[in-house]
């Protein structure tokens, strides 16, 4: 009886360990999430990003694609090692995507790590302009509102930093799986800017 109980515990432990090993790692042990923001965009040519909270010394493949699919299986635009976990890098925008208004960008790392974001490549009047408006983000020179994820406690909470919202406005906060694109999101409350 004792052996059976220990065998079952060992089997469950091994199953949990195997399951944990194949899950994507999106949150580090200290609860930080690897993120990157857009520092500069040269419309149709290059984008410069600043990464933070990445796992140390992990190799990442960098991809871009049209907005809407998180750049999963997008065009590879480079490779980078995360070094100390913070970095700045510039990547060329693929010729096939240079005229797209909004682009998704993704970092896929060894061990299941990943991070994605999106940026405005071209605005309606920027076809002759050498520089587009960077996507929302704390490092952006844009006047558009932005929201950055700065912390996650898995299955409990998300800490956000936001800016450039109109003053004294009440906003509804809704959350849900990205694949539904806000259609089936549930209310998480309201906040006044």
N, C-alpha and C. Protein backbone atom coordinates (compact mmCIF):
# COMPACT_ATOMS: atom_id res chain seq x y z
N UNK A 1 0.82 -1.20 0.00
CA UNK A 1 0.00 0.00 0.00
C UNK A 1 0.86 1.25 0.00
N UNK A 2 1.89 1.27 0.85
CA UNK A 2 2.76 2.43 0.92
C UNK A 2 3.49 2.63 -0.40
N UNK A 3 3.94 1.56 -1.00
CA UNK A 3 4.66 1.64 -2.27
C UNK A 3 3.74 2.20 -3.37
N UNK A 4 2.50 1.74 -3.40
CA UNK A 4 1.54 2.22 -4.40
C UNK A 4 1.31 3.71 -4.24
N UNK A 5 1.14 4.16 -2.99
CA UNK A 5 0.93 5.58 -2.72
C UNK A 5 2.13 6.41 -3.18
N UNK A 6 3.33 5.95 -2.85
CA UNK A 6 4.55 6.65 -3.27
C UNK A 6 4.68 6.63 -4.78
N UNK A 7 4.35 5.51 -5.41
CA UNK A 7 4.41 5.40 -6.87
C UNK A 7 3.46 6.39 -7.52
N UNK A 8 2.25 6.51 -6.95
CA UNK A 8 1.27 7.44 -7.52
C UNK A 8 1.74 8.89 -7.35
N UNK A 9 2.30 9.20 -6.18
CA UNK A 9 2.82 10.55 -5.95
C UNK A 9 3.95 10.84 -6.93
N UNK A 10 4.84 9.87 -7.10
CA UNK A 10 5.96 10.04 -8.04
C UNK A 10 5.44 10.23 -9.45
N UNK A 11 4.44 9.44 -9.85
CA UNK A 11 3.87 9.56 -11.19
C UNK A 11 3.23 10.94 -11.39
N UNK A 12 2.49 11.41 -10.38
CA UNK A 12 1.86 12.74 -10.48
C UNK A 12 2.94 13.81 -10.55
N UNK A 13 3.97 13.70 -9.71
CA UNK A 13 5.05 14.69 -9.73
C UNK A 13 5.73 14.73 -11.09
N UNK A 14 6.00 13.57 -11.67
CA UNK A 14 6.64 13.52 -12.99
C UNK A 14 5.75 14.13 -14.06
N UNK A 15 4.43 13.86 -13.98
CA UNK A 15 3.50 14.42 -14.95
C UNK A 15 3.45 15.93 -14.84
N UNK A 16 3.42 16.46 -13.60
CA UNK A 16 3.42 17.91 -13.40
C UNK A 16 4.71 18.52 -13.91
N UNK A 17 5.84 17.88 -13.63
CA UNK A 17 7.14 18.39 -14.09
C UNK A 17 7.20 18.41 -15.61
N UNK A 18 6.70 17.36 -16.26
CA UNK A 18 6.70 17.30 -17.72
C UNK A 18 5.80 18.38 -18.29
N UNK A 19 4.59 18.53 -17.69
CA UNK A 19 3.65 19.54 -18.16
C UNK A 19 4.24 20.93 -18.01
N UNK A 20 4.88 21.21 -16.88
CA UNK A 20 5.51 22.52 -16.65
C UNK A 20 6.64 22.76 -17.62
N UNK A 21 7.34 21.72 -18.00
CA UNK A 21 8.48 21.88 -18.90
C UNK A 21 8.04 22.24 -20.31
N UNK A 22 6.83 21.83 -20.72
CA UNK A 22 6.40 22.12 -22.08
C UNK A 22 5.56 23.39 -22.19
N UNK A 23 5.16 23.96 -21.07
CA UNK A 23 4.40 25.21 -21.11
C UNK A 23 5.30 26.38 -21.50
N UNK A 24 4.79 27.34 -22.28
CA UNK A 24 5.59 28.52 -22.58
C UNK A 24 5.92 29.28 -21.30
N UNK A 25 7.13 29.78 -21.23
CA UNK A 25 7.53 30.56 -20.06
C UNK A 25 7.36 32.03 -20.39
N UNK A 26 6.32 32.63 -19.84
CA UNK A 26 6.07 34.04 -20.11
C UNK A 26 6.23 34.90 -18.88
N UNK A 27 6.38 34.26 -17.73
CA UNK A 27 6.57 35.00 -16.49
C UNK A 27 7.78 34.41 -15.79
N UNK A 28 8.70 35.26 -15.36
CA UNK A 28 9.89 34.76 -14.68
C UNK A 28 9.56 34.40 -13.24
N UNK A 29 10.53 33.82 -12.57
CA UNK A 29 10.33 33.37 -11.18
C UNK A 29 9.94 34.52 -10.26
N UNK A 30 10.41 35.74 -10.55
CA UNK A 30 10.08 36.87 -9.67
C UNK A 30 8.81 37.59 -10.12
N UNK A 31 8.07 37.02 -11.10
CA UNK A 31 6.79 37.58 -11.51
C UNK A 31 6.87 38.63 -12.60
N UNK A 32 8.06 38.92 -13.11
CA UNK A 32 8.17 39.91 -14.18
C UNK A 32 7.88 39.29 -15.53
N UNK A 33 7.41 40.09 -16.44
CA UNK A 33 7.06 39.66 -17.78
C UNK A 33 8.03 40.31 -18.76
N UNK A 34 8.63 39.52 -19.68
CA UNK A 34 9.51 40.14 -20.67
C UNK A 34 8.69 41.04 -21.59
N UNK A 35 9.08 42.30 -21.69
CA UNK A 35 8.36 43.25 -22.53
C UNK A 35 9.35 44.05 -23.37
N UNK A 36 8.83 44.62 -24.45
CA UNK A 36 9.64 45.56 -25.23
C UNK A 36 8.74 46.68 -25.71
N UNK A 37 9.31 47.87 -25.78
CA UNK A 37 8.59 49.05 -26.27
C UNK A 37 9.33 49.59 -27.48
N UNK A 38 8.66 50.43 -28.21
CA UNK A 38 9.22 50.97 -29.45
C UNK A 38 9.81 52.35 -29.21
N UNK A 39 11.09 52.46 -29.45
CA UNK A 39 11.79 53.72 -29.23
C UNK A 39 11.71 54.62 -30.45
N UNK A 40 11.83 54.03 -31.65
CA UNK A 40 11.79 54.82 -32.88
C UNK A 40 11.33 53.95 -34.03
N UNK A 41 10.59 54.57 -34.96
CA UNK A 41 10.15 53.88 -36.18
C UNK A 41 10.50 54.77 -37.36
N UNK A 42 11.21 54.21 -38.32
CA UNK A 42 11.44 54.89 -39.59
C UNK A 42 10.53 54.16 -40.57
N UNK A 43 9.43 54.81 -40.95
CA UNK A 43 8.34 54.18 -41.69
C UNK A 43 8.84 53.35 -42.87
N UNK A 44 8.44 52.08 -42.89
CA UNK A 44 8.78 51.19 -43.99
C UNK A 44 10.22 50.76 -44.03
N UNK A 45 11.03 51.19 -43.04
CA UNK A 45 12.45 50.86 -43.08
C UNK A 45 12.95 50.14 -41.84
N UNK A 46 12.91 50.80 -40.67
CA UNK A 46 13.46 50.20 -39.46
C UNK A 46 12.59 50.50 -38.25
N UNK A 47 12.78 49.68 -37.22
CA UNK A 47 12.14 49.92 -35.93
C UNK A 47 13.18 49.63 -34.85
N UNK A 48 13.25 50.51 -33.86
CA UNK A 48 14.18 50.33 -32.74
C UNK A 48 13.36 50.03 -31.50
N UNK A 49 13.75 48.95 -30.80
CA UNK A 49 13.02 48.52 -29.61
C UNK A 49 13.93 48.55 -28.39
N UNK A 50 13.29 48.66 -27.23
CA UNK A 50 13.99 48.56 -25.95
C UNK A 50 13.32 47.42 -25.18
N UNK A 51 14.11 46.41 -24.81
CA UNK A 51 13.60 45.26 -24.08
C UNK A 51 13.90 45.37 -22.60
N UNK A 52 13.00 44.85 -21.77
CA UNK A 52 13.19 44.85 -20.31
C UNK A 52 12.58 43.58 -19.72
N UNK A 53 13.13 43.15 -18.61
CA UNK A 53 12.64 41.98 -17.87
C UNK A 53 12.77 40.67 -18.64
N UNK A 54 13.65 40.61 -19.64
CA UNK A 54 13.86 39.36 -20.37
C UNK A 54 14.73 38.43 -19.51
N UNK A 55 14.59 37.12 -19.70
CA UNK A 55 15.48 36.20 -18.99
C UNK A 55 16.91 36.44 -19.47
N UNK A 56 17.87 36.27 -18.60
CA UNK A 56 19.27 36.56 -18.95
C UNK A 56 19.85 35.53 -19.91
N UNK A 57 20.62 36.04 -20.90
CA UNK A 57 21.39 35.22 -21.84
C UNK A 57 20.57 34.15 -22.55
N UNK A 58 19.41 34.55 -23.04
CA UNK A 58 18.57 33.64 -23.82
C UNK A 58 18.55 34.14 -25.26
N UNK A 59 18.69 33.21 -26.21
CA UNK A 59 18.65 33.55 -27.63
C UNK A 59 17.20 33.66 -28.10
N UNK A 60 16.91 34.74 -28.84
CA UNK A 60 15.56 34.99 -29.36
C UNK A 60 15.59 35.16 -30.87
N UNK A 61 14.58 34.61 -31.55
CA UNK A 61 14.33 34.90 -32.96
C UNK A 61 13.30 36.03 -32.98
N UNK A 62 13.54 37.04 -33.79
CA UNK A 62 12.66 38.21 -33.86
C UNK A 62 11.88 38.13 -35.16
N UNK A 63 10.55 38.29 -35.06
CA UNK A 63 9.69 38.18 -36.24
C UNK A 63 8.76 39.39 -36.34
N UNK A 64 8.33 39.69 -37.58
CA UNK A 64 7.32 40.72 -37.83
C UNK A 64 6.26 40.15 -38.75
N UNK A 65 5.05 40.69 -38.63
CA UNK A 65 3.96 40.30 -39.50
C UNK A 65 2.90 41.39 -39.45
N UNK A 66 1.88 41.23 -40.29
CA UNK A 66 0.75 42.15 -40.23
C UNK A 66 0.11 42.05 -38.85
N UNK A 67 -0.49 43.12 -38.39
CA UNK A 67 -1.16 43.13 -37.10
C UNK A 67 -2.31 42.14 -37.10
N UNK A 68 -2.50 41.42 -36.00
CA UNK A 68 -3.65 40.55 -35.86
C UNK A 68 -3.33 39.12 -35.51
N UNK A 69 -2.10 38.67 -35.70
CA UNK A 69 -1.78 37.28 -35.38
C UNK A 69 -0.58 37.16 -34.43
N UNK A 70 -0.24 38.24 -33.74
CA UNK A 70 0.85 38.26 -32.76
C UNK A 70 2.20 37.92 -33.38
N UNK A 71 2.31 38.01 -34.71
CA UNK A 71 3.53 37.70 -35.46
C UNK A 71 3.97 36.25 -35.30
N UNK A 72 3.03 35.37 -34.95
CA UNK A 72 3.33 33.94 -34.88
C UNK A 72 3.67 33.47 -36.30
N UNK A 73 4.82 32.84 -36.46
CA UNK A 73 5.31 32.38 -37.76
C UNK A 73 5.50 33.53 -38.75
N UNK A 74 5.73 34.74 -38.23
CA UNK A 74 5.97 35.89 -39.10
C UNK A 74 7.34 35.82 -39.76
N UNK A 75 7.66 36.84 -40.52
CA UNK A 75 8.93 36.92 -41.22
C UNK A 75 10.06 37.16 -40.21
N UNK A 76 11.08 36.33 -40.26
CA UNK A 76 12.22 36.52 -39.36
C UNK A 76 12.99 37.76 -39.79
N UNK A 77 13.23 38.66 -38.82
CA UNK A 77 13.94 39.90 -39.11
C UNK A 77 15.27 39.99 -38.36
N UNK A 78 15.56 38.99 -37.54
CA UNK A 78 16.83 39.00 -36.82
C UNK A 78 16.84 38.03 -35.66
N UNK A 79 18.00 37.97 -35.03
CA UNK A 79 18.19 37.15 -33.83
C UNK A 79 18.96 37.98 -32.84
N UNK A 80 18.67 37.76 -31.55
CA UNK A 80 19.33 38.55 -30.52
C UNK A 80 19.46 37.71 -29.25
N UNK A 81 20.51 37.96 -28.50
CA UNK A 81 20.67 37.36 -27.18
C UNK A 81 20.25 38.42 -26.17
N UNK A 82 19.48 38.03 -25.18
CA UNK A 82 18.93 38.99 -24.22
C UNK A 82 19.96 39.56 -23.26
N UNK A 83 21.17 38.98 -23.23
CA UNK A 83 22.23 39.52 -22.37
C UNK A 83 21.80 39.61 -20.92
N UNK A 84 21.86 40.81 -20.36
CA UNK A 84 21.52 41.04 -18.95
C UNK A 84 20.01 41.05 -18.70
N UNK A 85 19.21 41.00 -19.77
CA UNK A 85 17.75 41.05 -19.64
C UNK A 85 17.16 42.35 -20.13
N UNK A 86 18.03 43.35 -20.35
CA UNK A 86 17.62 44.64 -20.92
C UNK A 86 18.48 44.91 -22.14
N UNK A 87 17.89 45.44 -23.19
CA UNK A 87 18.65 45.68 -24.41
C UNK A 87 17.94 46.72 -25.28
N UNK A 88 18.66 47.21 -26.26
CA UNK A 88 18.11 48.06 -27.31
C UNK A 88 18.61 47.50 -28.62
N UNK A 89 17.73 47.40 -29.62
CA UNK A 89 18.12 46.84 -30.92
C UNK A 89 17.26 47.44 -32.02
N UNK A 90 17.83 47.50 -33.22
CA UNK A 90 17.13 48.01 -34.39
C UNK A 90 17.00 46.89 -35.41
N UNK A 91 15.80 46.78 -36.01
CA UNK A 91 15.53 45.73 -36.98
C UNK A 91 14.95 46.35 -38.24
N UNK A 92 15.28 45.76 -39.39
CA UNK A 92 14.73 46.20 -40.68
C UNK A 92 13.31 45.68 -40.82
N UNK A 93 12.44 46.51 -41.37
CA UNK A 93 11.07 46.10 -41.69
C UNK A 93 11.12 45.37 -43.03
N UNK A 94 10.59 44.16 -43.12
CA UNK A 94 10.64 43.41 -44.38
C UNK A 94 9.96 44.17 -45.52
N UNK A 95 10.50 44.03 -46.72
CA UNK A 95 9.97 44.72 -47.89
C UNK A 95 8.49 44.41 -48.07
N UNK A 96 8.08 43.17 -47.87
CA UNK A 96 6.68 42.78 -48.04
C UNK A 96 5.74 43.47 -47.04
N UNK A 97 6.29 44.01 -45.95
CA UNK A 97 5.45 44.63 -44.92
C UNK A 97 5.63 46.15 -44.85
N UNK A 98 6.50 46.71 -45.67
CA UNK A 98 6.87 48.12 -45.52
C UNK A 98 5.72 49.10 -45.68
N UNK A 99 4.66 48.72 -46.40
CA UNK A 99 3.53 49.63 -46.60
C UNK A 99 2.35 49.34 -45.69
N UNK A 100 2.49 48.37 -44.78
CA UNK A 100 1.42 48.06 -43.83
C UNK A 100 1.34 49.17 -42.78
N UNK A 101 0.13 49.51 -42.39
CA UNK A 101 -0.08 50.56 -41.39
C UNK A 101 0.38 50.12 -40.01
N UNK A 102 -0.02 48.93 -39.59
CA UNK A 102 0.29 48.45 -38.25
C UNK A 102 0.96 47.08 -38.36
N UNK A 103 2.04 46.91 -37.62
CA UNK A 103 2.80 45.66 -37.66
C UNK A 103 2.92 45.06 -36.27
N UNK A 104 2.89 43.74 -36.23
CA UNK A 104 3.14 43.00 -34.99
C UNK A 104 4.59 42.57 -34.98
N UNK A 105 5.17 42.50 -33.79
CA UNK A 105 6.56 42.08 -33.62
C UNK A 105 6.61 41.09 -32.47
N UNK A 106 7.45 40.06 -32.62
CA UNK A 106 7.49 38.97 -31.65
C UNK A 106 8.92 38.50 -31.43
N UNK A 107 9.25 38.23 -30.17
CA UNK A 107 10.53 37.63 -29.78
C UNK A 107 10.22 36.22 -29.29
N UNK A 108 10.74 35.19 -29.95
CA UNK A 108 10.58 33.80 -29.52
C UNK A 108 11.92 33.28 -29.05
N UNK A 109 12.00 32.89 -27.78
CA UNK A 109 13.27 32.46 -27.20
C UNK A 109 13.35 30.98 -26.92
N UNK A 110 14.58 30.51 -26.76
CA UNK A 110 14.77 29.13 -26.38
C UNK A 110 14.16 28.92 -24.99
N UNK A 111 13.66 27.72 -24.75
CA UNK A 111 13.04 27.42 -23.46
C UNK A 111 11.59 27.85 -23.37
N UNK A 112 10.99 28.31 -24.48
CA UNK A 112 9.58 28.68 -24.48
C UNK A 112 9.29 30.14 -24.19
N UNK A 113 10.30 30.96 -23.96
CA UNK A 113 10.08 32.38 -23.68
C UNK A 113 9.56 33.09 -24.92
N UNK A 114 8.65 34.06 -24.73
CA UNK A 114 8.24 34.89 -25.85
C UNK A 114 7.70 36.22 -25.34
N UNK A 115 7.68 37.19 -26.24
CA UNK A 115 7.11 38.50 -25.96
C UNK A 115 6.64 39.08 -27.28
N UNK A 116 5.52 39.78 -27.29
CA UNK A 116 5.06 40.40 -28.53
C UNK A 116 4.47 41.78 -28.23
N UNK A 117 4.40 42.58 -29.28
CA UNK A 117 3.86 43.93 -29.20
C UNK A 117 3.53 44.36 -30.62
N UNK A 118 3.00 45.55 -30.80
CA UNK A 118 2.68 46.05 -32.13
C UNK A 118 3.06 47.51 -32.21
N UNK A 119 3.23 48.00 -33.45
CA UNK A 119 3.56 49.41 -33.64
C UNK A 119 2.94 49.95 -34.91
N UNK A 120 2.78 51.27 -34.94
CA UNK A 120 2.27 51.96 -36.12
C UNK A 120 3.45 52.22 -37.05
N UNK A 121 3.40 51.61 -38.22
CA UNK A 121 4.46 51.77 -39.21
C UNK A 121 4.21 53.01 -40.05
N UNK A 122 2.99 53.16 -40.51
CA UNK A 122 2.65 54.32 -41.35
C UNK A 122 1.29 54.86 -40.93
N UNK A 123 1.19 56.16 -40.86
CA UNK A 123 -0.10 56.79 -40.63
C UNK A 123 -0.65 57.20 -41.98
N UNK A 124 -1.89 57.65 -42.03
CA UNK A 124 -2.54 57.93 -43.32
C UNK A 124 -1.78 58.93 -44.17
N UNK A 125 -1.06 59.85 -43.57
CA UNK A 125 -0.34 60.84 -44.37
C UNK A 125 1.16 60.65 -44.37
N UNK A 126 1.65 59.48 -44.02
CA UNK A 126 3.10 59.34 -43.84
C UNK A 126 3.83 58.66 -44.99
N UNK A 127 3.20 58.52 -46.15
CA UNK A 127 3.86 57.79 -47.22
C UNK A 127 5.15 58.47 -47.67
N UNK A 128 5.21 59.79 -47.60
CA UNK A 128 6.45 60.46 -47.99
C UNK A 128 7.29 60.86 -46.79
N UNK A 129 6.75 60.66 -45.60
CA UNK A 129 7.47 61.03 -44.39
C UNK A 129 8.46 59.94 -44.02
N UNK A 130 9.69 60.29 -43.62
CA UNK A 130 10.67 59.28 -43.27
C UNK A 130 10.44 58.66 -41.91
N UNK A 131 9.62 59.24 -41.07
CA UNK A 131 9.43 58.72 -39.71
C UNK A 131 7.96 58.61 -39.38
N UNK A 132 7.54 57.45 -38.92
CA UNK A 132 6.16 57.24 -38.50
C UNK A 132 6.04 57.47 -37.01
N UNK A 133 4.82 57.51 -36.53
CA UNK A 133 4.58 57.67 -35.10
C UNK A 133 4.84 56.34 -34.40
N UNK A 134 5.68 56.30 -33.39
CA UNK A 134 5.89 55.05 -32.65
C UNK A 134 4.59 54.60 -31.98
N UNK A 135 4.51 53.32 -31.71
CA UNK A 135 3.34 52.77 -31.04
C UNK A 135 3.25 53.28 -29.62
N UNK A 136 2.08 53.15 -29.00
CA UNK A 136 1.95 53.55 -27.61
C UNK A 136 3.01 52.89 -26.75
N UNK A 137 3.44 53.60 -25.74
CA UNK A 137 4.45 53.06 -24.84
C UNK A 137 5.14 54.19 -24.12
N UNK A 138 5.71 53.91 -23.00
CA UNK A 138 6.30 54.95 -22.17
C UNK A 138 7.47 55.63 -22.87
N UNK A 139 8.13 54.94 -23.79
CA UNK A 139 9.26 55.55 -24.48
C UNK A 139 8.85 56.26 -25.76
N UNK A 140 7.58 56.27 -26.06
CA UNK A 140 7.10 56.82 -27.31
C UNK A 140 7.04 58.34 -27.25
N UNK A 141 7.23 58.97 -28.42
CA UNK A 141 7.05 60.42 -28.53
C UNK A 141 5.65 60.73 -29.04
N UNK A 142 4.83 59.74 -29.18
CA UNK A 142 3.46 59.89 -29.65
C UNK A 142 2.62 60.63 -28.61
N UNK A 143 1.52 61.21 -29.08
CA UNK A 143 0.57 61.83 -28.16
C UNK A 143 -0.61 60.91 -27.90
N UNK A 144 -0.58 59.69 -28.45
CA UNK A 144 -1.66 58.73 -28.27
C UNK A 144 -1.60 58.14 -26.86
N UNK A 145 -2.77 57.78 -26.30
CA UNK A 145 -2.76 57.09 -25.01
C UNK A 145 -2.00 55.78 -25.12
N UNK A 146 -1.39 55.35 -24.02
CA UNK A 146 -0.69 54.07 -24.01
C UNK A 146 -0.94 53.33 -22.71
N UNK A 147 -0.80 52.01 -22.76
CA UNK A 147 -0.87 51.15 -21.59
C UNK A 147 0.28 50.16 -21.70
N UNK A 148 1.12 50.10 -20.67
CA UNK A 148 2.22 49.13 -20.61
C UNK A 148 1.97 48.17 -19.46
N UNK A 149 2.18 46.88 -19.70
CA UNK A 149 2.11 45.88 -18.64
C UNK A 149 3.45 45.91 -17.90
N UNK A 150 3.43 46.17 -16.60
CA UNK A 150 4.68 46.23 -15.84
C UNK A 150 4.80 45.14 -14.80
N UNK A 151 3.76 44.33 -14.63
CA UNK A 151 3.84 43.22 -13.69
C UNK A 151 2.64 42.31 -13.79
N UNK A 152 2.86 41.02 -13.55
CA UNK A 152 1.78 40.04 -13.59
C UNK A 152 1.95 39.07 -12.43
N UNK A 153 0.88 38.81 -11.71
CA UNK A 153 0.83 37.71 -10.75
C UNK A 153 -0.13 36.72 -11.39
N UNK A 154 0.41 35.59 -11.85
CA UNK A 154 -0.34 34.62 -12.64
C UNK A 154 -1.69 34.29 -12.00
N UNK A 155 -2.73 34.39 -12.82
CA UNK A 155 -4.12 34.08 -12.42
C UNK A 155 -4.66 34.96 -11.30
N UNK A 156 -3.98 36.08 -10.99
CA UNK A 156 -4.45 36.94 -9.91
C UNK A 156 -4.58 38.40 -10.33
N UNK A 157 -3.49 38.98 -10.87
CA UNK A 157 -3.55 40.41 -11.14
C UNK A 157 -2.56 40.81 -12.23
N UNK A 158 -2.83 41.98 -12.79
CA UNK A 158 -1.95 42.61 -13.78
C UNK A 158 -1.75 44.04 -13.33
N UNK A 159 -0.48 44.48 -13.30
CA UNK A 159 -0.18 45.87 -12.96
C UNK A 159 0.14 46.61 -14.25
N UNK A 160 -0.51 47.73 -14.46
CA UNK A 160 -0.36 48.50 -15.69
C UNK A 160 0.17 49.89 -15.39
N UNK A 161 0.83 50.46 -16.37
CA UNK A 161 1.22 51.86 -16.33
C UNK A 161 0.62 52.48 -17.58
N UNK A 162 -0.07 53.59 -17.42
CA UNK A 162 -0.75 54.21 -18.55
C UNK A 162 -0.45 55.70 -18.58
N UNK A 163 -0.63 56.30 -19.73
CA UNK A 163 -0.40 57.73 -19.86
C UNK A 163 -1.07 58.30 -21.09
N UNK A 164 -1.10 59.62 -21.12
CA UNK A 164 -1.63 60.40 -22.24
C UNK A 164 -3.13 60.18 -22.47
N UNK A 165 -3.86 59.79 -21.43
CA UNK A 165 -5.31 59.66 -21.54
C UNK A 165 -5.94 61.03 -21.31
N UNK A 166 -7.14 61.28 -21.90
CA UNK A 166 -7.80 62.55 -21.61
C UNK A 166 -8.13 62.63 -20.13
N UNK A 167 -8.02 63.82 -19.56
CA UNK A 167 -8.21 64.01 -18.12
C UNK A 167 -9.66 63.80 -17.71
N UNK A 168 -9.82 63.29 -16.49
CA UNK A 168 -11.12 63.15 -15.83
C UNK A 168 -12.17 62.40 -16.65
N UNK A 169 -11.75 61.34 -17.27
CA UNK A 169 -12.66 60.47 -18.03
C UNK A 169 -12.72 59.11 -17.35
N UNK A 170 -13.91 58.50 -17.34
CA UNK A 170 -14.06 57.16 -16.77
C UNK A 170 -13.93 56.13 -17.88
N UNK A 171 -13.07 55.15 -17.65
CA UNK A 171 -12.82 54.09 -18.63
C UNK A 171 -13.21 52.74 -18.03
N UNK A 172 -13.87 51.90 -18.84
CA UNK A 172 -14.17 50.53 -18.44
C UNK A 172 -12.94 49.68 -18.74
N UNK A 173 -12.62 48.78 -17.83
CA UNK A 173 -11.50 47.87 -18.02
C UNK A 173 -12.08 46.49 -18.29
N UNK A 174 -11.71 45.90 -19.42
CA UNK A 174 -12.22 44.59 -19.80
C UNK A 174 -11.04 43.68 -20.09
N UNK A 175 -11.16 42.41 -19.72
CA UNK A 175 -10.08 41.45 -19.92
C UNK A 175 -10.62 40.17 -20.54
N UNK A 176 -9.72 39.48 -21.24
CA UNK A 176 -10.09 38.21 -21.85
C UNK A 176 -9.01 37.73 -22.78
N UNK A 177 -9.17 36.54 -23.35
CA UNK A 177 -8.16 36.00 -24.26
C UNK A 177 -8.01 36.88 -25.50
N UNK A 178 -6.77 37.07 -25.94
CA UNK A 178 -6.50 37.93 -27.09
C UNK A 178 -7.25 37.46 -28.33
N UNK A 179 -7.40 36.15 -28.48
CA UNK A 179 -8.01 35.61 -29.70
C UNK A 179 -9.42 36.13 -29.93
N UNK A 180 -10.11 36.60 -28.88
CA UNK A 180 -11.46 37.13 -29.04
C UNK A 180 -11.48 38.60 -29.41
N UNK A 181 -10.33 39.27 -29.35
CA UNK A 181 -10.21 40.69 -29.72
C UNK A 181 -11.34 41.54 -29.12
N UNK A 182 -11.53 41.43 -27.82
CA UNK A 182 -12.46 42.24 -27.04
C UNK A 182 -13.92 41.84 -27.18
N UNK A 183 -14.25 40.87 -28.01
CA UNK A 183 -15.65 40.51 -28.22
C UNK A 183 -16.27 39.79 -27.02
N UNK A 184 -15.50 38.95 -26.33
CA UNK A 184 -16.05 38.19 -25.21
C UNK A 184 -15.35 38.54 -23.91
N UNK A 185 -14.82 39.74 -23.81
CA UNK A 185 -14.09 40.13 -22.60
C UNK A 185 -15.07 40.45 -21.48
N UNK A 186 -14.62 40.25 -20.24
CA UNK A 186 -15.47 40.53 -19.09
C UNK A 186 -14.98 41.80 -18.39
N UNK A 187 -15.88 42.45 -17.70
CA UNK A 187 -15.54 43.70 -17.00
C UNK A 187 -14.66 43.42 -15.80
N UNK A 188 -13.60 44.22 -15.65
CA UNK A 188 -12.72 44.14 -14.48
C UNK A 188 -12.81 45.44 -13.69
N UNK A 189 -13.84 46.23 -13.96
CA UNK A 189 -14.04 47.47 -13.21
C UNK A 189 -13.90 48.70 -14.09
N UNK A 190 -13.81 49.85 -13.43
CA UNK A 190 -13.63 51.11 -14.13
C UNK A 190 -12.55 51.91 -13.44
N UNK A 191 -12.02 52.90 -14.13
CA UNK A 191 -11.00 53.78 -13.56
C UNK A 191 -11.17 55.17 -14.15
N UNK A 192 -10.93 56.18 -13.33
CA UNK A 192 -10.98 57.55 -13.81
C UNK A 192 -9.56 58.01 -14.11
N UNK A 193 -9.36 58.59 -15.26
CA UNK A 193 -8.02 59.01 -15.67
C UNK A 193 -7.53 60.21 -14.90
